[in-house]
Amino acid sequence: MHELWIVRHGPTEWSQAGRHTSTTDLPLLPEGEERARDLAPRLADVDFARVLTSPRTRARRTAELAGFPDAEECEDLAEWAYGEYEGITTPQIRETVPGWTVWTHPVPGGETPAQVGERLDRVVALAEEAPGPVLAFAHGHSLRVLGARWLGLAATEGRLLRLDTATVSVLGHERETRVVLRWNS
């Protein structure tokens, strides 16, 4: 059965501040670079059939420092497009939209959960078609949606899957059922 290993990029200035970051192309912080290097030994012993990365610098750099400089860019792994909420925090949004979350409320000028889920369904299909484990470097919300879609859940159920920076998660199978083998590790 197939496995899909996922890695959230290392910390950036905006990820540490809780600012929504999709299309803004920020570098890793020095701590983010160090944490990305620390991922290398955890991934080195797996013979990945395919290694993918979001096209954003923070994900590509994490892949490079973790030992995968030739990771293939995959636009479907880009972060949820936050539209008008790019660069601002949830508390700031809630000043005008009480109770707002990306999972439950519209994102003006951005993507819907269904649109994000549709992109990440294609990543699930790539992983299922690969002749061995697939490794993907990407972002917090997009990877949470990927986890939900792997499990056959609605994209909005990614809300249940907290994912910290510079972590490794593994999606796989128990018999023919897709399961989470490891999360936020």
N, C-alpha and C. Protein backbone atom coordinates (compact mmCIF):
# COMPACT_ATOMS: atom_id res chain seq x y z
N MET A 1 0.83 -1.20 0.00
CA MET A 1 0.00 0.00 0.00
C MET A 1 0.87 1.25 0.00
N HIS A 2 0.31 2.32 -0.44
CA HIS A 2 1.05 3.56 -0.61
C HIS A 2 1.11 4.38 0.67
N GLU A 3 2.18 5.17 0.77
CA GLU A 3 2.33 6.12 1.87
C GLU A 3 2.56 7.50 1.29
N LEU A 4 2.03 8.48 1.98
CA LEU A 4 2.24 9.88 1.64
C LEU A 4 2.82 10.55 2.88
N TRP A 5 4.10 10.90 2.79
CA TRP A 5 4.80 11.60 3.86
C TRP A 5 4.65 13.09 3.60
N ILE A 6 4.29 13.85 4.62
CA ILE A 6 4.11 15.28 4.43
C ILE A 6 4.93 16.05 5.47
N VAL A 7 5.52 17.15 5.01
CA VAL A 7 6.36 17.99 5.86
C VAL A 7 5.88 19.44 5.71
N ARG A 8 5.56 20.05 6.84
CA ARG A 8 5.25 21.48 6.81
C ARG A 8 6.58 22.24 6.87
N HIS A 9 6.66 23.29 6.10
CA HIS A 9 7.88 24.10 6.04
C HIS A 9 8.28 24.61 7.43
N GLY A 10 9.53 25.02 7.55
CA GLY A 10 10.03 25.60 8.79
C GLY A 10 9.42 26.97 9.05
N PRO A 11 9.63 27.50 10.25
CA PRO A 11 9.03 28.78 10.62
C PRO A 11 9.52 29.96 9.78
N THR A 12 8.57 30.86 9.52
CA THR A 12 8.86 32.15 8.89
C THR A 12 8.42 33.24 9.86
N GLU A 13 8.74 34.46 9.54
CA GLU A 13 8.32 35.58 10.39
C GLU A 13 6.79 35.59 10.53
N TRP A 14 6.09 35.39 9.44
CA TRP A 14 4.62 35.44 9.48
C TRP A 14 4.01 34.21 10.14
N SER A 15 4.59 33.03 9.95
CA SER A 15 4.01 31.85 10.60
C SER A 15 4.13 31.98 12.12
N GLN A 16 5.24 32.55 12.58
CA GLN A 16 5.40 32.75 14.02
C GLN A 16 4.44 33.79 14.57
N ALA A 17 4.08 34.76 13.74
CA ALA A 17 3.18 35.83 14.18
C ALA A 17 1.72 35.49 13.96
N GLY A 18 1.42 34.33 13.35
CA GLY A 18 0.04 33.93 13.11
C GLY A 18 -0.60 34.66 11.94
N ARG A 19 0.22 35.24 11.06
CA ARG A 19 -0.30 35.96 9.89
C ARG A 19 -0.56 34.98 8.76
N HIS A 20 -1.72 35.09 8.13
CA HIS A 20 -2.07 34.21 7.02
C HIS A 20 -1.12 34.46 5.84
N THR A 21 -0.47 33.40 5.40
CA THR A 21 0.56 33.51 4.37
C THR A 21 0.29 32.50 3.27
N SER A 22 -0.16 32.97 2.12
CA SER A 22 -0.32 32.05 1.00
C SER A 22 0.61 32.47 -0.13
N THR A 23 0.29 33.52 -0.84
CA THR A 23 1.09 33.90 -2.01
C THR A 23 2.30 34.74 -1.67
N THR A 24 2.34 35.36 -0.50
CA THR A 24 3.51 36.14 -0.10
C THR A 24 4.67 35.17 0.09
N ASP A 25 5.74 35.42 -0.63
CA ASP A 25 6.84 34.45 -0.66
C ASP A 25 7.92 34.84 0.35
N LEU A 26 7.79 34.37 1.56
CA LEU A 26 8.71 34.70 2.65
C LEU A 26 9.79 33.65 2.82
N PRO A 27 10.99 34.08 3.24
CA PRO A 27 12.04 33.11 3.53
C PRO A 27 11.84 32.48 4.91
N LEU A 28 12.52 31.39 5.13
CA LEU A 28 12.57 30.80 6.46
C LEU A 28 13.37 31.70 7.38
N LEU A 29 13.01 31.71 8.65
CA LEU A 29 13.85 32.35 9.65
C LEU A 29 15.10 31.50 9.85
N PRO A 30 16.18 32.05 10.43
CA PRO A 30 17.35 31.20 10.73
C PRO A 30 16.96 29.95 11.52
N GLU A 31 16.06 30.09 12.50
CA GLU A 31 15.57 28.93 13.24
C GLU A 31 14.84 27.95 12.32
N GLY A 32 14.12 28.49 11.33
CA GLY A 32 13.43 27.64 10.35
C GLY A 32 14.40 26.84 9.51
N GLU A 33 15.50 27.47 9.14
CA GLU A 33 16.53 26.75 8.37
C GLU A 33 17.15 25.63 9.21
N GLU A 34 17.42 25.94 10.47
CA GLU A 34 17.99 24.92 11.36
C GLU A 34 17.02 23.75 11.54
N ARG A 35 15.76 24.07 11.76
CA ARG A 35 14.76 23.00 11.95
C ARG A 35 14.57 22.19 10.68
N ALA A 36 14.68 22.84 9.51
CA ALA A 36 14.58 22.10 8.25
C ALA A 36 15.75 21.13 8.11
N ARG A 37 16.96 21.55 8.47
CA ARG A 37 18.12 20.65 8.44
C ARG A 37 17.92 19.46 9.38
N ASP A 38 17.29 19.72 10.51
CA ASP A 38 17.05 18.65 11.49
C ASP A 38 16.10 17.58 10.95
N LEU A 39 15.35 17.88 9.91
CA LEU A 39 14.43 16.90 9.32
C LEU A 39 15.17 15.84 8.51
N ALA A 40 16.35 16.19 8.00
CA ALA A 40 17.07 15.31 7.06
C ALA A 40 17.26 13.89 7.58
N PRO A 41 17.77 13.68 8.81
CA PRO A 41 17.97 12.30 9.26
C PRO A 41 16.66 11.52 9.40
N ARG A 42 15.56 12.22 9.63
CA ARG A 42 14.28 11.54 9.79
C ARG A 42 13.72 11.05 8.46
N LEU A 43 14.21 11.63 7.37
CA LEU A 43 13.69 11.30 6.04
C LEU A 43 14.68 10.49 5.20
N ALA A 44 15.94 10.44 5.64
CA ALA A 44 17.02 9.89 4.83
C ALA A 44 16.89 8.39 4.53
N ASP A 45 16.28 7.63 5.39
CA ASP A 45 16.23 6.18 5.22
C ASP A 45 15.06 5.69 4.39
N VAL A 46 14.23 6.61 3.90
CA VAL A 46 13.07 6.20 3.10
C VAL A 46 13.40 6.40 1.62
N ASP A 47 13.10 5.38 0.82
CA ASP A 47 13.34 5.45 -0.62
C ASP A 47 12.07 6.00 -1.28
N PHE A 48 12.01 7.33 -1.40
CA PHE A 48 10.81 7.96 -1.95
C PHE A 48 10.76 7.79 -3.46
N ALA A 49 9.59 7.41 -3.95
CA ALA A 49 9.38 7.27 -5.39
C ALA A 49 9.26 8.64 -6.05
N ARG A 50 8.77 9.59 -5.28
CA ARG A 50 8.56 10.93 -5.82
C ARG A 50 8.63 11.92 -4.67
N VAL A 51 9.26 13.08 -4.90
CA VAL A 51 9.33 14.14 -3.89
C VAL A 51 8.77 15.41 -4.52
N LEU A 52 7.75 15.96 -3.88
CA LEU A 52 7.05 17.14 -4.38
C LEU A 52 7.21 18.29 -3.40
N THR A 53 7.12 19.51 -3.92
CA THR A 53 7.13 20.67 -3.05
C THR A 53 6.21 21.75 -3.61
N SER A 54 5.61 22.49 -2.71
CA SER A 54 4.93 23.71 -3.10
C SER A 54 5.95 24.60 -3.80
N PRO A 55 5.51 25.46 -4.71
CA PRO A 55 6.46 26.35 -5.37
C PRO A 55 6.95 27.51 -4.50
N ARG A 56 6.38 27.70 -3.32
CA ARG A 56 6.77 28.82 -2.47
C ARG A 56 8.17 28.59 -1.87
N THR A 57 8.92 29.65 -1.75
CA THR A 57 10.30 29.59 -1.28
C THR A 57 10.43 28.86 0.04
N ARG A 58 9.54 29.12 0.99
CA ARG A 58 9.65 28.51 2.32
C ARG A 58 9.54 26.99 2.26
N ALA A 59 8.72 26.46 1.37
CA ALA A 59 8.60 25.01 1.22
C ALA A 59 9.78 24.44 0.43
N ARG A 60 10.15 25.12 -0.66
CA ARG A 60 11.28 24.65 -1.46
C ARG A 60 12.57 24.64 -0.65
N ARG A 61 12.78 25.67 0.16
CA ARG A 61 14.01 25.75 0.98
C ARG A 61 14.00 24.65 2.05
N THR A 62 12.83 24.39 2.64
CA THR A 62 12.73 23.31 3.61
C THR A 62 13.10 21.98 2.95
N ALA A 63 12.59 21.74 1.75
CA ALA A 63 12.91 20.51 1.02
C ALA A 63 14.42 20.41 0.77
N GLU A 64 15.00 21.50 0.32
CA GLU A 64 16.44 21.52 0.03
C GLU A 64 17.27 21.21 1.28
N LEU A 65 16.96 21.88 2.38
CA LEU A 65 17.73 21.69 3.61
C LEU A 65 17.50 20.32 4.23
N ALA A 66 16.34 19.72 3.96
CA ALA A 66 16.04 18.39 4.48
C ALA A 66 16.65 17.29 3.61
N GLY A 67 17.36 17.70 2.54
CA GLY A 67 18.06 16.71 1.72
C GLY A 67 17.43 16.42 0.37
N PHE A 68 16.48 17.27 -0.07
CA PHE A 68 15.77 17.02 -1.32
C PHE A 68 15.80 18.25 -2.23
N PRO A 69 17.02 18.64 -2.68
CA PRO A 69 17.14 19.86 -3.49
C PRO A 69 16.47 19.75 -4.86
N ASP A 70 16.21 18.53 -5.32
CA ASP A 70 15.60 18.34 -6.64
C ASP A 70 14.11 18.04 -6.56
N ALA A 71 13.48 18.40 -5.44
CA ALA A 71 12.04 18.16 -5.31
C ALA A 71 11.29 18.84 -6.45
N GLU A 72 10.28 18.15 -6.94
CA GLU A 72 9.48 18.61 -8.07
C GLU A 72 8.42 19.61 -7.59
N GLU A 73 8.39 20.78 -8.19
CA GLU A 73 7.37 21.77 -7.81
C GLU A 73 5.99 21.30 -8.24
N CYS A 74 5.05 21.46 -7.33
CA CYS A 74 3.66 21.04 -7.55
C CYS A 74 2.74 22.17 -7.09
N GLU A 75 2.16 22.88 -8.02
CA GLU A 75 1.30 24.03 -7.70
C GLU A 75 0.12 23.61 -6.82
N ASP A 76 -0.32 22.37 -6.93
CA ASP A 76 -1.46 21.90 -6.12
C ASP A 76 -1.13 21.90 -4.63
N LEU A 77 0.15 21.94 -4.26
CA LEU A 77 0.55 21.97 -2.85
C LEU A 77 0.65 23.39 -2.29
N ALA A 78 0.38 24.40 -3.10
CA ALA A 78 0.43 25.78 -2.61
C ALA A 78 -0.54 25.95 -1.44
N GLU A 79 -0.25 26.92 -0.60
CA GLU A 79 -1.11 27.19 0.55
C GLU A 79 -2.47 27.70 0.09
N TRP A 80 -3.48 27.50 0.93
CA TRP A 80 -4.82 28.03 0.74
C TRP A 80 -4.68 29.50 0.38
N ALA A 81 -5.32 29.94 -0.69
CA ALA A 81 -5.24 31.36 -1.09
C ALA A 81 -6.16 32.17 -0.17
N TYR A 82 -5.55 33.07 0.60
CA TYR A 82 -6.29 33.82 1.62
C TYR A 82 -6.88 35.13 1.11
N GLY A 83 -6.66 35.48 -0.14
CA GLY A 83 -7.28 36.66 -0.71
C GLY A 83 -7.03 37.91 0.12
N GLU A 84 -8.11 38.59 0.49
CA GLU A 84 -8.02 39.84 1.25
C GLU A 84 -7.45 39.64 2.66
N TYR A 85 -7.40 38.39 3.11
CA TYR A 85 -6.88 38.12 4.46
C TYR A 85 -5.38 37.81 4.48
N GLU A 86 -4.75 37.89 3.31
CA GLU A 86 -3.31 37.67 3.23
C GLU A 86 -2.57 38.65 4.15
N GLY A 87 -1.72 38.10 5.01
CA GLY A 87 -0.87 38.93 5.85
C GLY A 87 -1.49 39.40 7.15
N ILE A 88 -2.75 39.05 7.40
CA ILE A 88 -3.36 39.46 8.66
C ILE A 88 -3.70 38.24 9.51
N THR A 89 -3.94 38.47 10.78
CA THR A 89 -4.16 37.38 11.73
C THR A 89 -5.65 37.11 11.93
N THR A 90 -5.94 35.95 12.48
CA THR A 90 -7.33 35.63 12.80
C THR A 90 -7.94 36.64 13.77
N PRO A 91 -7.25 37.05 14.85
CA PRO A 91 -7.85 38.07 15.72
C PRO A 91 -8.18 39.37 14.98
N GLN A 92 -7.35 39.77 14.03
CA GLN A 92 -7.64 40.97 13.25
C GLN A 92 -8.90 40.78 12.40
N ILE A 93 -9.04 39.62 11.78
CA ILE A 93 -10.22 39.34 10.96
C ILE A 93 -11.46 39.33 11.84
N ARG A 94 -11.34 38.77 13.02
CA ARG A 94 -12.50 38.66 13.93
C ARG A 94 -12.97 40.01 14.47
N GLU A 95 -12.17 41.05 14.29
CA GLU A 95 -12.64 42.38 14.67
C GLU A 95 -13.84 42.80 13.84
N THR A 96 -13.91 42.31 12.60
CA THR A 96 -15.04 42.64 11.72
C THR A 96 -15.92 41.43 11.40
N VAL A 97 -15.40 40.22 11.59
CA VAL A 97 -16.16 39.00 11.32
C VAL A 97 -16.04 38.10 12.56
N PRO A 98 -16.88 38.32 13.57
CA PRO A 98 -16.78 37.53 14.81
C PRO A 98 -16.85 36.02 14.54
N GLY A 99 -15.96 35.29 15.22
CA GLY A 99 -15.96 33.84 15.12
C GLY A 99 -15.35 33.29 13.85
N TRP A 100 -14.75 34.16 13.02
CA TRP A 100 -14.21 33.71 11.75
C TRP A 100 -13.15 32.64 11.91
N THR A 101 -13.22 31.61 11.05
CA THR A 101 -12.10 30.69 10.82
C THR A 101 -12.06 30.39 9.32
N VAL A 102 -10.93 29.99 8.84
CA VAL A 102 -10.79 29.63 7.44
C VAL A 102 -11.67 28.42 7.11
N TRP A 103 -11.97 27.61 8.12
CA TRP A 103 -12.74 26.38 7.93
C TRP A 103 -14.24 26.62 7.83
N THR A 104 -14.73 27.73 8.38
CA THR A 104 -16.18 27.92 8.51
C THR A 104 -16.73 29.16 7.84
N HIS A 105 -15.89 30.08 7.41
CA HIS A 105 -16.34 31.35 6.86
C HIS A 105 -15.70 31.60 5.50
N PRO A 106 -16.32 32.44 4.69
CA PRO A 106 -15.73 32.80 3.40
C PRO A 106 -14.39 33.54 3.56
N VAL A 107 -13.58 33.44 2.52
CA VAL A 107 -12.31 34.14 2.44
C VAL A 107 -12.42 35.07 1.23
N PRO A 108 -12.78 36.33 1.43
CA PRO A 108 -12.98 37.25 0.30
C PRO A 108 -11.78 37.30 -0.63
N GLY A 109 -12.03 37.02 -1.90
CA GLY A 109 -10.96 37.04 -2.89
C GLY A 109 -10.05 35.83 -2.83
N GLY A 110 -10.34 34.87 -1.97
CA GLY A 110 -9.50 33.68 -1.83
C GLY A 110 -10.23 32.42 -2.26
N GLU A 111 -9.72 31.29 -1.83
CA GLU A 111 -10.30 30.00 -2.20
C GLU A 111 -11.34 29.54 -1.20
N THR A 112 -12.22 28.68 -1.67
CA THR A 112 -13.18 28.00 -0.80
C THR A 112 -12.54 26.68 -0.35
N PRO A 113 -13.07 26.09 0.73
CA PRO A 113 -12.56 24.77 1.12
C PRO A 113 -12.66 23.75 -0.02
N ALA A 114 -13.75 23.80 -0.77
CA ALA A 114 -13.92 22.84 -1.87
C ALA A 114 -12.84 23.02 -2.93
N GLN A 115 -12.46 24.25 -3.23
CA GLN A 115 -11.40 24.48 -4.22
C GLN A 115 -10.06 23.95 -3.73
N VAL A 116 -9.76 24.19 -2.45
CA VAL A 116 -8.51 23.67 -1.89
C VAL A 116 -8.54 22.15 -1.91
N GLY A 117 -9.66 21.56 -1.51
CA GLY A 117 -9.80 20.11 -1.50
C GLY A 117 -9.63 19.51 -2.89
N GLU A 118 -10.15 20.18 -3.90
CA GLU A 118 -10.03 19.68 -5.27
C GLU A 118 -8.56 19.62 -5.70
N ARG A 119 -7.79 20.65 -5.35
CA ARG A 119 -6.35 20.64 -5.67
C ARG A 119 -5.64 19.48 -4.97
N LEU A 120 -5.98 19.31 -3.70
CA LEU A 120 -5.26 18.30 -2.92
C LEU A 120 -5.72 16.89 -3.22
N ASP A 121 -6.91 16.74 -3.77
CA ASP A 121 -7.32 15.43 -4.28
C ASP A 121 -6.38 14.95 -5.38
N ARG A 122 -5.87 15.89 -6.16
CA ARG A 122 -4.92 15.51 -7.22
C ARG A 122 -3.61 15.02 -6.62
N VAL A 123 -3.20 15.58 -5.48
CA VAL A 123 -1.99 15.11 -4.80
C VAL A 123 -2.23 13.70 -4.24
N VAL A 124 -3.40 13.47 -3.68
CA VAL A 124 -3.75 12.11 -3.21
C VAL A 124 -3.65 11.13 -4.37
N ALA A 125 -4.19 11.50 -5.52
CA ALA A 125 -4.14 10.61 -6.70
C ALA A 125 -2.70 10.34 -7.12
N LEU A 126 -1.85 11.38 -7.10
CA LEU A 126 -0.43 11.18 -7.43
C LEU A 126 0.22 10.17 -6.48
N ALA A 127 -0.08 10.30 -5.21
CA ALA A 127 0.50 9.40 -4.21
C ALA A 127 0.01 7.97 -4.41
N GLU A 128 -1.24 7.82 -4.75
CA GLU A 128 -1.81 6.47 -4.94
C GLU A 128 -1.27 5.81 -6.21
N GLU A 129 -0.86 6.62 -7.18
CA GLU A 129 -0.35 6.08 -8.45
C GLU A 129 1.16 5.80 -8.42
N ALA A 130 1.86 6.36 -7.45
CA ALA A 130 3.32 6.23 -7.40
C ALA A 130 3.71 4.80 -7.04
N PRO A 131 4.88 4.35 -7.51
CA PRO A 131 5.33 3.00 -7.22
C PRO A 131 5.94 2.82 -5.83
N GLY A 132 5.92 3.86 -5.01
CA GLY A 132 6.46 3.80 -3.65
C GLY A 132 6.03 5.03 -2.88
N PRO A 133 6.62 5.24 -1.71
CA PRO A 133 6.23 6.38 -0.89
C PRO A 133 6.48 7.71 -1.59
N VAL A 134 5.59 8.67 -1.33
CA VAL A 134 5.71 10.02 -1.87
C VAL A 134 5.94 10.97 -0.70
N LEU A 135 6.80 11.95 -0.90
CA LEU A 135 7.10 12.97 0.09
C LEU A 135 6.65 14.31 -0.46
N ALA A 136 5.92 15.09 0.37
CA ALA A 136 5.43 16.40 -0.05
C ALA A 136 5.76 17.45 1.00
N PHE A 137 6.36 18.55 0.55
CA PHE A 137 6.68 19.70 1.40
C PHE A 137 5.68 20.80 1.07
N ALA A 138 5.00 21.32 2.11
CA ALA A 138 4.00 22.35 1.84
C ALA A 138 3.70 23.15 3.11
N HIS A 139 2.43 23.50 3.29
CA HIS A 139 2.01 24.52 4.24
C HIS A 139 0.93 24.00 5.19
N GLY A 140 0.73 24.76 6.28
CA GLY A 140 -0.17 24.32 7.35
C GLY A 140 -1.58 23.99 6.92
N HIS A 141 -2.30 24.96 6.35
CA HIS A 141 -3.69 24.68 6.00
C HIS A 141 -3.81 23.71 4.84
N SER A 142 -2.97 23.87 3.83
CA SER A 142 -3.09 22.95 2.69
C SER A 142 -2.80 21.51 3.10
N LEU A 143 -1.81 21.30 3.97
CA LEU A 143 -1.51 19.94 4.40
C LEU A 143 -2.59 19.38 5.32
N ARG A 144 -3.21 20.23 6.08
CA ARG A 144 -4.33 19.76 6.92
C ARG A 144 -5.50 19.31 6.04
N VAL A 145 -5.75 20.06 4.97
CA VAL A 145 -6.78 19.63 4.00
C VAL A 145 -6.34 18.34 3.33
N LEU A 146 -5.07 18.22 2.99
CA LEU A 146 -4.57 16.99 2.37
C LEU A 146 -4.81 15.79 3.29
N GLY A 147 -4.54 15.96 4.58
CA GLY A 147 -4.81 14.88 5.52
C GLY A 147 -6.27 14.50 5.56
N ALA A 148 -7.14 15.49 5.57
CA ALA A 148 -8.59 15.22 5.58
C ALA A 148 -9.02 14.50 4.31
N ARG A 149 -8.54 14.96 3.17
CA ARG A 149 -8.93 14.34 1.90
C ARG A 149 -8.38 12.92 1.78
N TRP A 150 -7.17 12.67 2.31
CA TRP A 150 -6.61 11.32 2.32
C TRP A 150 -7.57 10.37 3.05
N LEU A 151 -8.16 10.87 4.13
CA LEU A 151 -9.07 10.07 4.94
C LEU A 151 -10.49 10.02 4.38
N GLY A 152 -10.73 10.69 3.26
CA GLY A 152 -12.07 10.70 2.66
C GLY A 152 -13.01 11.68 3.33
N LEU A 153 -12.48 12.62 4.09
CA LEU A 153 -13.29 13.61 4.79
C LEU A 153 -13.39 14.89 3.97
N ALA A 154 -14.37 15.71 4.30
CA ALA A 154 -14.49 17.02 3.67
C ALA A 154 -13.26 17.86 3.98
N ALA A 155 -12.92 18.75 3.08
CA ALA A 155 -11.75 19.61 3.28
C ALA A 155 -11.83 20.35 4.61
N THR A 156 -13.01 20.75 5.03
CA THR A 156 -13.17 21.50 6.27
C THR A 156 -12.81 20.69 7.51
N GLU A 157 -12.75 19.38 7.39
CA GLU A 157 -12.38 18.55 8.54
C GLU A 157 -10.88 18.61 8.82
N GLY A 158 -10.13 19.26 7.96
CA GLY A 158 -8.73 19.54 8.25
C GLY A 158 -8.58 20.36 9.53
N ARG A 159 -9.66 21.00 9.95
CA ARG A 159 -9.66 21.77 11.20
C ARG A 159 -9.30 20.91 12.40
N LEU A 160 -9.48 19.61 12.28
CA LEU A 160 -9.22 18.68 13.38
C LEU A 160 -7.76 18.23 13.44
N LEU A 161 -6.96 18.64 12.47
CA LEU A 161 -5.59 18.13 12.34
C LEU A 161 -4.57 19.26 12.53
N ARG A 162 -4.28 19.62 13.75
CA ARG A 162 -3.28 20.65 14.01
C ARG A 162 -1.95 20.23 13.38
N LEU A 163 -1.24 21.21 12.83
CA LEU A 163 0.02 20.91 12.18
C LEU A 163 1.00 22.04 12.42
N ASP A 164 2.06 21.74 13.16
CA ASP A 164 3.08 22.73 13.49
C ASP A 164 4.14 22.81 12.39
N THR A 165 4.95 23.88 12.43
CA THR A 165 6.01 24.03 11.44
C THR A 165 7.10 22.98 11.65
N ALA A 166 7.75 22.63 10.54
CA ALA A 166 8.88 21.69 10.53
C ALA A 166 8.55 20.36 11.18
N THR A 167 7.37 19.83 10.85
CA THR A 167 6.97 18.52 11.37
C THR A 167 6.79 17.53 10.22
N VAL A 168 6.86 16.26 10.58
CA VAL A 168 6.68 15.16 9.63
C VAL A 168 5.41 14.42 10.02
N SER A 169 4.59 14.12 9.01
CA SER A 169 3.40 13.30 9.20
C SER A 169 3.40 12.23 8.12
N VAL A 170 2.77 11.11 8.42
CA VAL A 170 2.74 10.01 7.45
C VAL A 170 1.31 9.50 7.33
N LEU A 171 0.83 9.49 6.10
CA LEU A 171 -0.48 8.95 5.78
C LEU A 171 -0.27 7.62 5.06
N GLY A 172 -1.05 6.63 5.42
CA GLY A 172 -0.86 5.32 4.82
C GLY A 172 -2.14 4.52 4.82
N HIS A 173 -2.00 3.22 5.01
CA HIS A 173 -3.15 2.31 4.95
C HIS A 173 -3.10 1.31 6.09
N GLU A 174 -4.26 0.90 6.51
CA GLU A 174 -4.43 -0.30 7.31
C GLU A 174 -5.33 -1.18 6.47
N ARG A 175 -4.73 -2.24 5.97
CA ARG A 175 -5.35 -3.05 4.94
C ARG A 175 -5.72 -2.11 3.78
N GLU A 176 -6.98 -2.05 3.37
CA GLU A 176 -7.35 -1.19 2.24
C GLU A 176 -7.87 0.18 2.66
N THR A 177 -7.87 0.47 3.95
CA THR A 177 -8.40 1.74 4.46
C THR A 177 -7.28 2.75 4.65
N ARG A 178 -7.49 3.96 4.13
CA ARG A 178 -6.52 5.03 4.35
C ARG A 178 -6.59 5.49 5.80
N VAL A 179 -5.41 5.65 6.41
CA VAL A 179 -5.32 6.03 7.82
C VAL A 179 -4.17 7.02 8.03
N VAL A 180 -4.13 7.61 9.20
CA VAL A 180 -3.00 8.42 9.64
C VAL A 180 -2.06 7.49 10.39
N LEU A 181 -0.83 7.37 9.92
CA LEU A 181 0.17 6.54 10.59
C LEU A 181 0.94 7.34 11.64
N ARG A 182 1.16 8.64 11.33
CA ARG A 182 1.87 9.53 12.26
C ARG A 182 1.45 10.94 11.90
N TRP A 183 1.25 11.77 12.93
CA TRP A 183 0.81 13.15 12.65
C TRP A 183 1.56 14.14 13.55
N ASN A 184 2.00 15.23 12.93
CA ASN A 184 2.58 16.37 13.64
C ASN A 184 3.78 15.96 14.48
N SER A 185 4.58 15.07 13.93
CA SER A 185 5.71 14.49 14.66
C SER A 185 6.99 15.29 14.43
